[in-house]
Each structure stands twice: as C-alpha cells, then as structure tokens.
C-alpha cells in the first residue's frame, strides 16, 4: 500500500514539474492571435470565478439605480470600457480579436454575475489579461455606477433606454430579444 501511495505522489509530482518545465522551456504556446485550447479557457475562467468568489467582499451596491445614476454609468462605460468590451451600437469591439483572452462583449452578452462580483473585477482588474484595475482611475462611486448599468443593460428604465437610443442611434438590448445568450466566458 505504501508503494502504491508513493507511486501516486511521484506521478503527480512528475506531471506538475513536467508541466512547469514545458512552460519554462517555451514549449507551451503564448500567441494571442490564435484561440486557446478549450481546456485552457475552462481552467482560466474557473480559476477567475473561484478567485473572485473567495476574495471579493459581498457588498451591496451603495449607488441606487436611478435614471441619473444609470445614465452616468452608461457614460462611464462608453468612455472607459467600450473600446474593449463593445460600444452602445451593439457591435463587437474592433479590438476583441486582438486580446488574449478576448474581452467579453458586455452589451451583446451582459454579465450575469452579482454586482459585488462585477465591481470587484472592475476595481481590481484581471491579471494576465488586458483588463486593468480601475481603482486608481475611477472613484468607488463611478465603479458602482458602471456596475449598476452593466447588470441592468437588458432591463433599463424607459428614460435610460431613450438616452441610449438618442446618443447611439441604436435601441438598448432587452431581455426578451430572441437568441440572446448570457455566455460571457
């Protein structure tokens, strides 16, 4: 039995150190202009979600979702997020395919995470991606405003939908649109 357990431990160590060795010797691909293997994407997204679950405080959004605050969140999104995550015109970002991993298109595929989860990611960024930490560039109130906007993209009040259409020329998405999925990963 002891030899069996020792064999398992040695096998695990060989796999771990072998993987690290392959990475350090440059055998693993690092190109940002090709799709990663599905297993890599799955592991990375699971690691991100689990890390946020473990580290993010479960805070309620202190900024009420008034028309004024949601419009302010829309403006903050347009000025700071749209270049990478897609503009209000509901088209994917021109940079989407240039990033590795590609950023989610948040207008076409709104996040379905809790507000505390999204605010944590905006505030702290995501290491080894193009997602910066916004805590030095945006106030806490602005982070919560854009969070409130993003979590309500498909259920905005009429005045905010009207402002969206007036500024972008395109109607805001709604949760009743056919074929709309929430797969942001």
N, C-alpha and C. Protein backbone atom coordinates (compact mmCIF):
# COMPACT_ATOMS: atom_id res chain seq x y z
N UNK A 1 0.82 -1.20 0.00
CA UNK A 1 0.00 0.00 0.00
C UNK A 1 0.86 1.26 0.00
N UNK A 2 1.94 1.21 0.80
CA UNK A 2 2.83 2.36 0.88
C UNK A 2 3.45 2.67 -0.48
N UNK A 3 3.88 1.63 -1.20
CA UNK A 3 4.47 1.82 -2.54
C UNK A 3 3.45 2.39 -3.52
N UNK A 4 2.20 1.96 -3.38
CA UNK A 4 1.14 2.45 -4.26
C UNK A 4 0.94 3.96 -4.05
N UNK A 5 0.85 4.39 -2.81
CA UNK A 5 0.68 5.82 -2.50
C UNK A 5 1.90 6.61 -2.95
N UNK A 6 3.10 6.06 -2.73
CA UNK A 6 4.32 6.71 -3.17
C UNK A 6 4.31 6.86 -4.70
N UNK A 7 3.83 5.85 -5.38
CA UNK A 7 3.73 5.91 -6.85
C UNK A 7 2.79 7.02 -7.31
N UNK A 8 1.68 7.17 -6.62
CA UNK A 8 0.72 8.24 -6.96
C UNK A 8 1.36 9.61 -6.74
N UNK A 9 2.02 9.78 -5.59
CA UNK A 9 2.67 11.05 -5.27
C UNK A 9 3.75 11.38 -6.31
N UNK A 10 4.57 10.40 -6.66
CA UNK A 10 5.63 10.62 -7.66
C UNK A 10 5.03 10.97 -9.01
N UNK A 11 3.96 10.29 -9.40
CA UNK A 11 3.30 10.58 -10.68
C UNK A 11 2.77 12.01 -10.71
N UNK A 12 2.13 12.43 -9.64
CA UNK A 12 1.60 13.80 -9.57
C UNK A 12 2.74 14.81 -9.66
N UNK A 13 3.84 14.55 -8.93
CA UNK A 13 4.99 15.46 -8.97
C UNK A 13 5.61 15.53 -10.36
N UNK A 14 5.71 14.40 -11.04
CA UNK A 14 6.26 14.38 -12.41
C UNK A 14 5.37 15.20 -13.34
N UNK A 15 4.06 15.05 -13.21
CA UNK A 15 3.13 15.81 -14.06
C UNK A 15 3.26 17.30 -13.78
N UNK A 16 3.26 17.69 -12.51
CA UNK A 16 3.36 19.11 -12.15
C UNK A 16 4.69 19.69 -12.62
N UNK A 17 5.79 19.06 -12.25
CA UNK A 17 7.10 19.59 -12.63
C UNK A 17 7.33 19.49 -14.13
N UNK A 18 6.78 18.46 -14.76
CA UNK A 18 6.87 18.35 -16.22
C UNK A 18 6.14 19.50 -16.91
N UNK A 19 4.94 19.83 -16.41
CA UNK A 19 4.19 20.96 -16.97
C UNK A 19 4.90 22.27 -16.78
N UNK A 20 5.44 22.48 -15.57
CA UNK A 20 6.20 23.70 -15.30
C UNK A 20 7.43 23.76 -16.19
N UNK A 21 8.12 22.62 -16.32
CA UNK A 21 9.30 22.56 -17.18
C UNK A 21 8.98 22.89 -18.63
N UNK A 22 7.90 22.31 -19.15
CA UNK A 22 7.48 22.61 -20.52
C UNK A 22 7.21 24.10 -20.70
N UNK A 23 6.55 24.70 -19.71
CA UNK A 23 6.25 26.13 -19.79
C UNK A 23 7.53 26.96 -19.75
N UNK A 24 8.42 26.66 -18.81
CA UNK A 24 9.64 27.44 -18.65
C UNK A 24 10.61 27.26 -19.82
N UNK A 25 10.54 26.14 -20.49
CA UNK A 25 11.40 25.91 -21.65
C UNK A 25 10.79 26.44 -22.95
N UNK A 26 9.60 27.03 -22.85
CA UNK A 26 9.00 27.66 -24.02
C UNK A 26 8.23 26.73 -24.94
N UNK A 27 7.83 25.56 -24.47
CA UNK A 27 7.10 24.63 -25.31
C UNK A 27 5.60 24.90 -25.38
N UNK A 28 5.08 25.68 -24.44
CA UNK A 28 3.65 25.97 -24.45
C UNK A 28 3.40 27.22 -25.29
N UNK A 29 2.33 27.23 -26.07
CA UNK A 29 2.06 28.39 -26.93
C UNK A 29 1.66 29.61 -26.10
N UNK A 30 2.09 30.78 -26.53
CA UNK A 30 1.74 32.03 -25.86
C UNK A 30 1.16 33.05 -26.83
N UNK A 31 0.91 32.66 -28.06
CA UNK A 31 0.41 33.60 -29.06
C UNK A 31 -0.99 34.08 -28.69
N UNK A 32 -1.22 35.36 -28.87
CA UNK A 32 -2.51 35.96 -28.55
C UNK A 32 -3.43 36.01 -29.77
N UNK A 33 -2.95 35.59 -30.92
CA UNK A 33 -3.77 35.69 -32.13
C UNK A 33 -4.32 34.35 -32.61
N UNK A 34 -4.33 33.36 -31.73
CA UNK A 34 -4.97 32.08 -32.02
C UNK A 34 -5.81 31.68 -30.82
N UNK A 35 -6.84 30.93 -31.07
CA UNK A 35 -7.72 30.50 -29.99
C UNK A 35 -6.99 29.52 -29.08
N UNK A 36 -7.14 29.68 -27.78
CA UNK A 36 -6.50 28.74 -26.85
C UNK A 36 -7.25 27.41 -26.84
N UNK A 37 -6.58 26.37 -26.40
CA UNK A 37 -7.29 25.10 -26.25
C UNK A 37 -8.47 25.27 -25.29
N UNK A 38 -9.54 24.53 -25.52
CA UNK A 38 -10.74 24.64 -24.71
C UNK A 38 -10.46 24.37 -23.23
N UNK A 39 -9.59 23.43 -22.94
CA UNK A 39 -9.28 23.10 -21.55
C UNK A 39 -8.60 24.28 -20.86
N UNK A 40 -7.74 25.01 -21.59
CA UNK A 40 -7.08 26.18 -21.02
C UNK A 40 -8.10 27.27 -20.70
N UNK A 41 -9.03 27.50 -21.62
CA UNK A 41 -10.08 28.50 -21.38
C UNK A 41 -10.93 28.13 -20.18
N UNK A 42 -11.30 26.87 -20.10
CA UNK A 42 -12.14 26.41 -18.99
C UNK A 42 -11.42 26.58 -17.65
N UNK A 43 -10.16 26.18 -17.60
CA UNK A 43 -9.39 26.29 -16.36
C UNK A 43 -9.23 27.76 -15.98
N UNK A 44 -8.91 28.61 -16.96
CA UNK A 44 -8.70 30.04 -16.66
C UNK A 44 -9.98 30.69 -16.15
N UNK A 45 -11.11 30.44 -16.79
CA UNK A 45 -12.36 31.06 -16.35
C UNK A 45 -12.80 30.52 -15.00
N UNK A 46 -12.61 29.23 -14.78
CA UNK A 46 -12.95 28.65 -13.48
C UNK A 46 -12.07 29.24 -12.39
N UNK A 47 -10.79 29.40 -12.68
CA UNK A 47 -9.87 29.99 -11.70
C UNK A 47 -10.27 31.43 -11.38
N UNK A 48 -10.63 32.19 -12.41
CA UNK A 48 -11.05 33.58 -12.19
C UNK A 48 -12.31 33.63 -11.33
N UNK A 49 -13.33 32.89 -11.72
CA UNK A 49 -14.58 32.90 -10.96
C UNK A 49 -14.37 32.45 -9.51
N UNK A 50 -13.59 31.40 -9.32
CA UNK A 50 -13.35 30.90 -7.97
C UNK A 50 -12.53 31.88 -7.14
N UNK A 51 -11.59 32.56 -7.76
CA UNK A 51 -10.79 33.56 -7.04
C UNK A 51 -11.66 34.72 -6.58
N UNK A 52 -12.52 35.21 -7.47
CA UNK A 52 -13.41 36.31 -7.10
C UNK A 52 -14.36 35.84 -6.00
N UNK A 53 -14.90 34.65 -6.13
CA UNK A 53 -15.78 34.10 -5.08
C UNK A 53 -15.08 34.08 -3.73
N UNK A 54 -13.80 33.75 -3.72
CA UNK A 54 -13.05 33.62 -2.48
C UNK A 54 -12.64 34.97 -1.90
N UNK A 55 -12.29 35.94 -2.76
CA UNK A 55 -11.68 37.18 -2.27
C UNK A 55 -12.60 38.40 -2.24
N UNK A 56 -13.63 38.41 -3.05
CA UNK A 56 -14.48 39.61 -3.15
C UNK A 56 -15.42 39.73 -1.96
N UNK A 57 -15.47 40.91 -1.36
CA UNK A 57 -16.47 41.12 -0.30
C UNK A 57 -17.86 41.18 -0.91
N UNK A 58 -18.83 40.60 -0.24
CA UNK A 58 -20.22 40.57 -0.72
C UNK A 58 -20.90 41.88 -0.34
N UNK A 59 -20.58 42.93 -1.10
CA UNK A 59 -21.13 44.25 -0.81
C UNK A 59 -22.36 44.52 -1.67
N UNK A 60 -23.31 45.23 -1.11
CA UNK A 60 -24.44 45.71 -1.88
C UNK A 60 -24.04 47.01 -2.54
N UNK A 61 -24.55 47.24 -3.73
CA UNK A 61 -24.26 48.47 -4.46
C UNK A 61 -24.82 49.65 -3.66
N UNK A 62 -23.95 50.56 -3.20
CA UNK A 62 -24.43 51.71 -2.43
C UNK A 62 -25.03 52.81 -3.30
N UNK A 63 -24.89 52.69 -4.62
CA UNK A 63 -25.41 53.70 -5.54
C UNK A 63 -26.77 53.22 -6.05
N UNK A 64 -27.85 53.93 -5.73
CA UNK A 64 -29.17 53.47 -6.16
C UNK A 64 -29.31 53.53 -7.69
N UNK A 65 -30.06 52.60 -8.27
CA UNK A 65 -30.18 52.55 -9.73
C UNK A 65 -31.21 53.55 -10.28
N UNK A 66 -30.98 54.82 -10.00
CA UNK A 66 -31.86 55.86 -10.53
C UNK A 66 -31.52 56.10 -12.00
N UNK A 67 -32.41 56.76 -12.71
CA UNK A 67 -32.15 57.09 -14.12
C UNK A 67 -30.83 57.85 -14.24
N UNK A 68 -30.65 58.82 -13.36
CA UNK A 68 -29.43 59.65 -13.40
C UNK A 68 -28.16 58.81 -13.20
N UNK A 69 -28.18 57.91 -12.23
CA UNK A 69 -27.00 57.07 -11.96
C UNK A 69 -26.75 56.06 -13.08
N UNK A 70 -27.83 55.52 -13.65
CA UNK A 70 -27.66 54.56 -14.75
C UNK A 70 -27.13 55.27 -16.00
N UNK A 71 -27.61 56.46 -16.28
CA UNK A 71 -27.07 57.23 -17.41
C UNK A 71 -25.61 57.58 -17.16
N UNK A 72 -25.28 57.93 -15.94
CA UNK A 72 -23.89 58.20 -15.59
C UNK A 72 -23.04 56.94 -15.80
N UNK A 73 -23.55 55.79 -15.39
CA UNK A 73 -22.86 54.51 -15.61
C UNK A 73 -22.67 54.21 -17.09
N UNK A 74 -23.69 54.53 -17.89
CA UNK A 74 -23.61 54.35 -19.34
C UNK A 74 -22.49 55.23 -19.91
N UNK A 75 -22.41 56.46 -19.45
CA UNK A 75 -21.37 57.38 -19.93
C UNK A 75 -19.97 56.89 -19.51
N UNK A 76 -19.85 56.43 -18.27
CA UNK A 76 -18.56 55.90 -17.79
C UNK A 76 -18.16 54.69 -18.64
N UNK A 77 -19.12 53.81 -18.91
CA UNK A 77 -18.87 52.64 -19.75
C UNK A 77 -18.38 53.08 -21.13
N UNK A 78 -19.10 54.03 -21.74
CA UNK A 78 -18.76 54.49 -23.08
C UNK A 78 -17.34 55.05 -23.13
N UNK A 79 -16.97 55.82 -22.12
CA UNK A 79 -15.66 56.48 -22.12
C UNK A 79 -14.51 55.54 -21.73
N UNK A 80 -14.77 54.54 -20.91
CA UNK A 80 -13.68 53.74 -20.36
C UNK A 80 -13.68 52.27 -20.76
N UNK A 81 -14.83 51.73 -21.10
CA UNK A 81 -14.93 50.28 -21.29
C UNK A 81 -15.24 49.88 -22.74
N UNK A 82 -15.93 50.74 -23.47
CA UNK A 82 -16.47 50.38 -24.78
C UNK A 82 -15.40 49.99 -25.80
N UNK A 83 -14.24 50.60 -25.73
CA UNK A 83 -13.19 50.29 -26.70
C UNK A 83 -12.86 48.80 -26.70
N UNK A 84 -12.83 48.20 -25.55
CA UNK A 84 -12.50 46.77 -25.45
C UNK A 84 -13.73 45.87 -25.40
N UNK A 85 -14.81 46.34 -24.76
CA UNK A 85 -15.97 45.49 -24.49
C UNK A 85 -17.16 45.74 -25.42
N UNK A 86 -17.02 46.61 -26.41
CA UNK A 86 -18.09 46.87 -27.36
C UNK A 86 -18.90 48.10 -26.99
N UNK A 87 -19.21 48.90 -27.99
CA UNK A 87 -19.91 50.17 -27.78
C UNK A 87 -21.42 49.97 -27.75
N UNK A 88 -22.12 51.06 -27.51
CA UNK A 88 -23.58 51.02 -27.43
C UNK A 88 -24.24 50.67 -28.77
N UNK A 89 -23.48 50.73 -29.87
CA UNK A 89 -24.04 50.38 -31.17
C UNK A 89 -24.28 48.88 -31.31
N UNK A 90 -23.94 48.14 -30.27
CA UNK A 90 -24.20 46.69 -30.17
C UNK A 90 -23.36 45.87 -31.16
N UNK A 91 -22.23 46.44 -31.56
CA UNK A 91 -21.29 45.70 -32.41
C UNK A 91 -20.10 45.31 -31.55
N UNK A 92 -19.48 44.17 -31.86
CA UNK A 92 -18.29 43.78 -31.09
C UNK A 92 -17.18 44.83 -31.25
N UNK A 93 -16.33 44.90 -30.27
CA UNK A 93 -15.19 45.81 -30.31
C UNK A 93 -14.26 45.43 -31.44
N UNK A 94 -13.65 46.43 -32.06
CA UNK A 94 -12.66 46.14 -33.10
C UNK A 94 -11.41 45.51 -32.49
N UNK A 95 -11.21 45.69 -31.20
CA UNK A 95 -10.06 45.10 -30.52
C UNK A 95 -10.32 43.70 -29.99
N UNK A 96 -11.56 43.26 -30.05
CA UNK A 96 -11.94 41.99 -29.43
C UNK A 96 -11.01 40.85 -29.81
N UNK A 97 -10.69 40.72 -31.08
CA UNK A 97 -9.87 39.60 -31.54
C UNK A 97 -8.38 39.84 -31.35
N UNK A 98 -8.01 41.04 -30.88
CA UNK A 98 -6.60 41.35 -30.65
C UNK A 98 -6.14 41.01 -29.24
N UNK A 99 -7.07 40.79 -28.34
CA UNK A 99 -6.74 40.48 -26.96
C UNK A 99 -6.72 38.98 -26.73
N UNK A 100 -5.89 38.57 -25.79
CA UNK A 100 -5.91 37.20 -25.34
C UNK A 100 -5.95 37.22 -23.82
N UNK A 101 -6.96 36.67 -23.25
CA UNK A 101 -8.17 36.16 -23.90
C UNK A 101 -9.02 37.32 -24.38
N UNK A 102 -9.90 37.07 -25.36
CA UNK A 102 -10.75 38.15 -25.85
C UNK A 102 -11.65 38.67 -24.74
N UNK A 103 -11.84 39.98 -24.67
CA UNK A 103 -12.73 40.52 -23.63
C UNK A 103 -14.18 40.19 -23.98
N UNK A 104 -15.01 39.98 -22.98
CA UNK A 104 -16.42 39.74 -23.28
C UNK A 104 -17.07 40.98 -23.88
N UNK A 105 -17.99 40.76 -24.80
CA UNK A 105 -18.75 41.85 -25.40
C UNK A 105 -19.94 42.10 -24.47
N UNK A 106 -19.80 43.07 -23.59
CA UNK A 106 -20.74 43.24 -22.48
C UNK A 106 -22.11 43.78 -22.88
N UNK A 107 -22.21 44.43 -24.02
CA UNK A 107 -23.52 44.92 -24.46
C UNK A 107 -24.28 43.78 -25.14
N UNK A 108 -23.61 42.98 -25.94
CA UNK A 108 -24.27 41.85 -26.60
C UNK A 108 -24.50 40.68 -25.64
N UNK A 109 -23.59 40.51 -24.69
CA UNK A 109 -23.68 39.41 -23.73
C UNK A 109 -23.46 39.98 -22.33
N UNK A 110 -24.48 40.61 -21.78
CA UNK A 110 -24.32 41.25 -20.46
C UNK A 110 -23.91 40.24 -19.40
N UNK A 111 -23.11 40.70 -18.46
CA UNK A 111 -22.68 39.78 -17.40
C UNK A 111 -23.86 39.34 -16.54
N UNK A 112 -23.83 38.10 -16.10
CA UNK A 112 -24.89 37.61 -15.23
C UNK A 112 -24.36 37.40 -13.80
N UNK A 113 -23.23 38.02 -13.52
CA UNK A 113 -22.65 37.93 -12.18
C UNK A 113 -23.33 38.93 -11.25
N UNK A 114 -23.22 38.67 -9.96
CA UNK A 114 -23.75 39.59 -8.95
C UNK A 114 -22.98 40.91 -9.03
N UNK A 115 -23.60 41.98 -8.56
CA UNK A 115 -22.96 43.28 -8.61
C UNK A 115 -21.64 43.30 -7.85
N UNK A 116 -21.59 42.67 -6.68
CA UNK A 116 -20.34 42.65 -5.91
C UNK A 116 -19.22 41.98 -6.68
N UNK A 117 -19.56 40.94 -7.45
CA UNK A 117 -18.59 40.20 -8.26
C UNK A 117 -18.04 41.10 -9.36
N UNK A 118 -18.93 41.74 -10.07
CA UNK A 118 -18.53 42.61 -11.18
C UNK A 118 -17.75 43.82 -10.68
N UNK A 119 -18.19 44.43 -9.60
CA UNK A 119 -17.48 45.59 -9.04
C UNK A 119 -16.07 45.20 -8.61
N UNK A 120 -15.90 44.02 -8.05
CA UNK A 120 -14.58 43.55 -7.64
C UNK A 120 -13.65 43.42 -8.85
N UNK A 121 -14.15 42.85 -9.93
CA UNK A 121 -13.34 42.68 -11.14
C UNK A 121 -12.98 44.04 -11.73
N UNK A 122 -13.94 44.96 -11.79
CA UNK A 122 -13.66 46.30 -12.33
C UNK A 122 -12.62 46.99 -11.44
N UNK A 123 -12.81 46.95 -10.16
CA UNK A 123 -11.92 47.63 -9.22
C UNK A 123 -10.50 47.07 -9.28
N UNK A 124 -10.36 45.74 -9.34
CA UNK A 124 -9.05 45.09 -9.21
C UNK A 124 -8.44 44.58 -10.51
N UNK A 125 -9.21 44.54 -11.59
CA UNK A 125 -8.69 44.04 -12.86
C UNK A 125 -8.50 42.54 -12.84
N UNK A 126 -7.96 42.01 -13.93
CA UNK A 126 -7.72 40.58 -14.06
C UNK A 126 -6.29 40.39 -14.57
N UNK A 127 -5.48 39.80 -13.76
CA UNK A 127 -4.07 39.57 -14.10
C UNK A 127 -3.93 38.73 -15.38
N UNK A 128 -2.92 39.04 -16.16
CA UNK A 128 -2.58 38.33 -17.40
C UNK A 128 -3.63 38.47 -18.49
N UNK A 129 -4.42 39.52 -18.40
CA UNK A 129 -5.36 39.86 -19.47
C UNK A 129 -5.19 41.36 -19.72
N UNK A 130 -5.96 41.91 -20.61
CA UNK A 130 -5.91 43.35 -20.84
C UNK A 130 -6.79 44.13 -19.88
N UNK A 131 -7.44 43.45 -18.93
CA UNK A 131 -8.36 44.13 -18.02
C UNK A 131 -7.59 44.80 -16.89
N UNK A 132 -7.52 46.15 -16.93
CA UNK A 132 -6.79 46.85 -15.88
C UNK A 132 -7.61 46.98 -14.60
N UNK A 133 -6.93 47.30 -13.53
CA UNK A 133 -7.60 47.64 -12.28
C UNK A 133 -8.00 49.11 -12.39
N UNK A 134 -9.28 49.41 -12.19
CA UNK A 134 -9.78 50.77 -12.36
C UNK A 134 -9.82 51.55 -11.05
N UNK A 135 -9.33 50.97 -9.96
CA UNK A 135 -9.43 51.63 -8.66
C UNK A 135 -8.63 52.92 -8.57
N UNK A 136 -7.65 53.11 -9.41
CA UNK A 136 -6.86 54.35 -9.38
C UNK A 136 -7.40 55.39 -10.37
N UNK A 137 -8.21 54.96 -11.32
CA UNK A 137 -8.72 55.86 -12.36
C UNK A 137 -10.17 56.28 -12.14
N UNK A 138 -10.96 55.43 -11.50
CA UNK A 138 -12.36 55.72 -11.26
C UNK A 138 -12.62 55.77 -9.75
N UNK A 139 -13.54 56.62 -9.37
CA UNK A 139 -13.93 56.67 -7.96
C UNK A 139 -14.75 55.41 -7.63
N UNK A 140 -14.88 55.12 -6.36
CA UNK A 140 -15.69 53.98 -5.94
C UNK A 140 -17.14 54.15 -6.43
N UNK A 141 -17.64 55.37 -6.34
CA UNK A 141 -18.99 55.66 -6.81
C UNK A 141 -19.13 55.39 -8.30
N UNK A 142 -18.12 55.77 -9.10
CA UNK A 142 -18.17 55.53 -10.54
C UNK A 142 -18.11 54.03 -10.86
N UNK A 143 -17.31 53.29 -10.10
CA UNK A 143 -17.25 51.84 -10.30
C UNK A 143 -18.62 51.23 -10.04
N UNK A 144 -19.30 51.68 -8.98
CA UNK A 144 -20.63 51.15 -8.68
C UNK A 144 -21.66 51.60 -9.73
N UNK A 145 -21.51 52.80 -10.27
CA UNK A 145 -22.44 53.26 -11.31
C UNK A 145 -22.33 52.41 -12.57
N UNK A 146 -21.10 52.17 -13.01
CA UNK A 146 -20.94 51.35 -14.21
C UNK A 146 -21.36 49.91 -13.93
N UNK A 147 -21.13 49.44 -12.71
CA UNK A 147 -21.60 48.11 -12.33
C UNK A 147 -23.12 48.04 -12.40
N UNK A 148 -23.79 49.05 -11.84
CA UNK A 148 -25.25 49.10 -11.89
C UNK A 148 -25.77 49.12 -13.31
N UNK A 149 -25.11 49.90 -14.16
CA UNK A 149 -25.51 49.96 -15.57
C UNK A 149 -25.35 48.59 -16.23
N UNK A 150 -24.18 47.97 -16.06
CA UNK A 150 -23.91 46.69 -16.73
C UNK A 150 -24.83 45.57 -16.26
N UNK A 151 -25.18 45.56 -15.01
CA UNK A 151 -26.05 44.48 -14.52
C UNK A 151 -27.51 44.71 -14.89
N UNK A 152 -27.81 45.87 -15.46
CA UNK A 152 -29.19 46.18 -15.86
C UNK A 152 -29.32 46.48 -17.36
N UNK A 153 -28.30 46.18 -18.14
CA UNK A 153 -28.29 46.52 -19.56
C UNK A 153 -29.58 46.11 -20.26
N UNK A 154 -30.10 44.95 -19.94
CA UNK A 154 -31.30 44.45 -20.64
C UNK A 154 -32.61 44.87 -19.97
N UNK A 155 -32.54 45.55 -18.86
CA UNK A 155 -33.77 45.95 -18.18
C UNK A 155 -33.67 47.39 -17.67
N UNK A 156 -33.20 48.25 -18.55
CA UNK A 156 -33.06 49.66 -18.20
C UNK A 156 -34.42 50.35 -18.20
N UNK A 157 -34.59 51.33 -17.33
CA UNK A 157 -35.84 52.10 -17.33
C UNK A 157 -36.00 52.88 -18.64
N UNK A 158 -37.24 53.24 -18.98
CA UNK A 158 -37.52 53.93 -20.26
C UNK A 158 -36.66 55.18 -20.52
N UNK A 159 -36.44 55.99 -19.50
CA UNK A 159 -35.65 57.22 -19.71
C UNK A 159 -34.20 56.90 -20.09
N UNK A 160 -33.65 55.84 -19.53
CA UNK A 160 -32.28 55.45 -19.84
C UNK A 160 -32.23 54.83 -21.23
N UNK A 161 -33.23 54.01 -21.57
CA UNK A 161 -33.31 53.45 -22.92
C UNK A 161 -33.41 54.57 -23.96
N UNK A 162 -34.19 55.58 -23.66
CA UNK A 162 -34.35 56.72 -24.56
C UNK A 162 -33.01 57.46 -24.74
N UNK A 163 -32.30 57.67 -23.64
CA UNK A 163 -30.99 58.33 -23.70
C UNK A 163 -30.02 57.49 -24.54
N UNK A 164 -30.03 56.18 -24.34
CA UNK A 164 -29.19 55.26 -25.10
C UNK A 164 -29.45 55.44 -26.59
N UNK A 165 -30.72 55.37 -26.97
CA UNK A 165 -31.09 55.47 -28.41
C UNK A 165 -30.71 56.83 -28.97
N UNK A 166 -30.92 57.89 -28.19
CA UNK A 166 -30.59 59.24 -28.63
C UNK A 166 -29.09 59.40 -28.86
N UNK A 167 -28.28 58.84 -28.01
CA UNK A 167 -26.83 59.02 -28.12
C UNK A 167 -26.16 58.05 -29.09
N UNK A 168 -26.73 56.86 -29.26
CA UNK A 168 -26.07 55.86 -30.11
C UNK A 168 -26.78 55.60 -31.42
N UNK A 169 -28.06 55.97 -31.51
CA UNK A 169 -28.84 55.69 -32.71
C UNK A 169 -29.34 54.26 -32.77
N UNK A 170 -29.09 53.49 -31.72
CA UNK A 170 -29.49 52.08 -31.67
C UNK A 170 -30.24 51.84 -30.37
N UNK A 171 -31.28 51.04 -30.46
CA UNK A 171 -32.05 50.72 -29.25
C UNK A 171 -31.24 49.87 -28.28
N UNK A 172 -31.49 50.06 -27.02
CA UNK A 172 -30.85 49.25 -25.98
C UNK A 172 -31.36 47.82 -26.08
N UNK A 173 -30.52 46.85 -25.74
CA UNK A 173 -30.99 45.46 -25.76
C UNK A 173 -32.02 45.22 -24.66
N UNK A 174 -32.85 44.24 -24.88
CA UNK A 174 -33.83 43.86 -23.86
C UNK A 174 -33.72 42.37 -23.60
N UNK A 175 -34.17 41.94 -22.45
CA UNK A 175 -34.07 40.52 -22.10
C UNK A 175 -35.00 39.66 -22.94
N UNK A 176 -35.93 40.26 -23.66
CA UNK A 176 -36.87 39.48 -24.46
C UNK A 176 -36.36 39.24 -25.89
N UNK A 177 -35.19 39.75 -26.23
CA UNK A 177 -34.68 39.53 -27.59
C UNK A 177 -34.37 38.07 -27.80
N UNK A 178 -34.80 37.54 -28.97
CA UNK A 178 -34.60 36.13 -29.28
C UNK A 178 -33.14 35.84 -29.55
N UNK A 179 -32.73 34.64 -29.18
CA UNK A 179 -31.38 34.18 -29.47
C UNK A 179 -30.33 34.81 -28.58
N UNK A 180 -30.75 35.56 -27.58
CA UNK A 180 -29.78 36.23 -26.72
C UNK A 180 -29.30 35.26 -25.66
N UNK A 181 -28.00 35.08 -25.59
CA UNK A 181 -27.46 34.23 -24.53
C UNK A 181 -26.60 35.06 -23.60
N UNK A 182 -26.39 34.52 -22.43
CA UNK A 182 -25.60 35.24 -21.41
C UNK A 182 -24.24 34.62 -21.21
N UNK A 183 -23.77 33.86 -22.18
CA UNK A 183 -22.48 33.21 -22.02
C UNK A 183 -21.37 34.23 -22.25
N UNK A 184 -20.85 34.80 -21.16
CA UNK A 184 -19.83 35.84 -21.25
C UNK A 184 -18.44 35.30 -21.05
N UNK A 185 -18.31 34.03 -21.00
CA UNK A 185 -17.00 33.45 -20.71
C UNK A 185 -16.39 32.83 -21.92
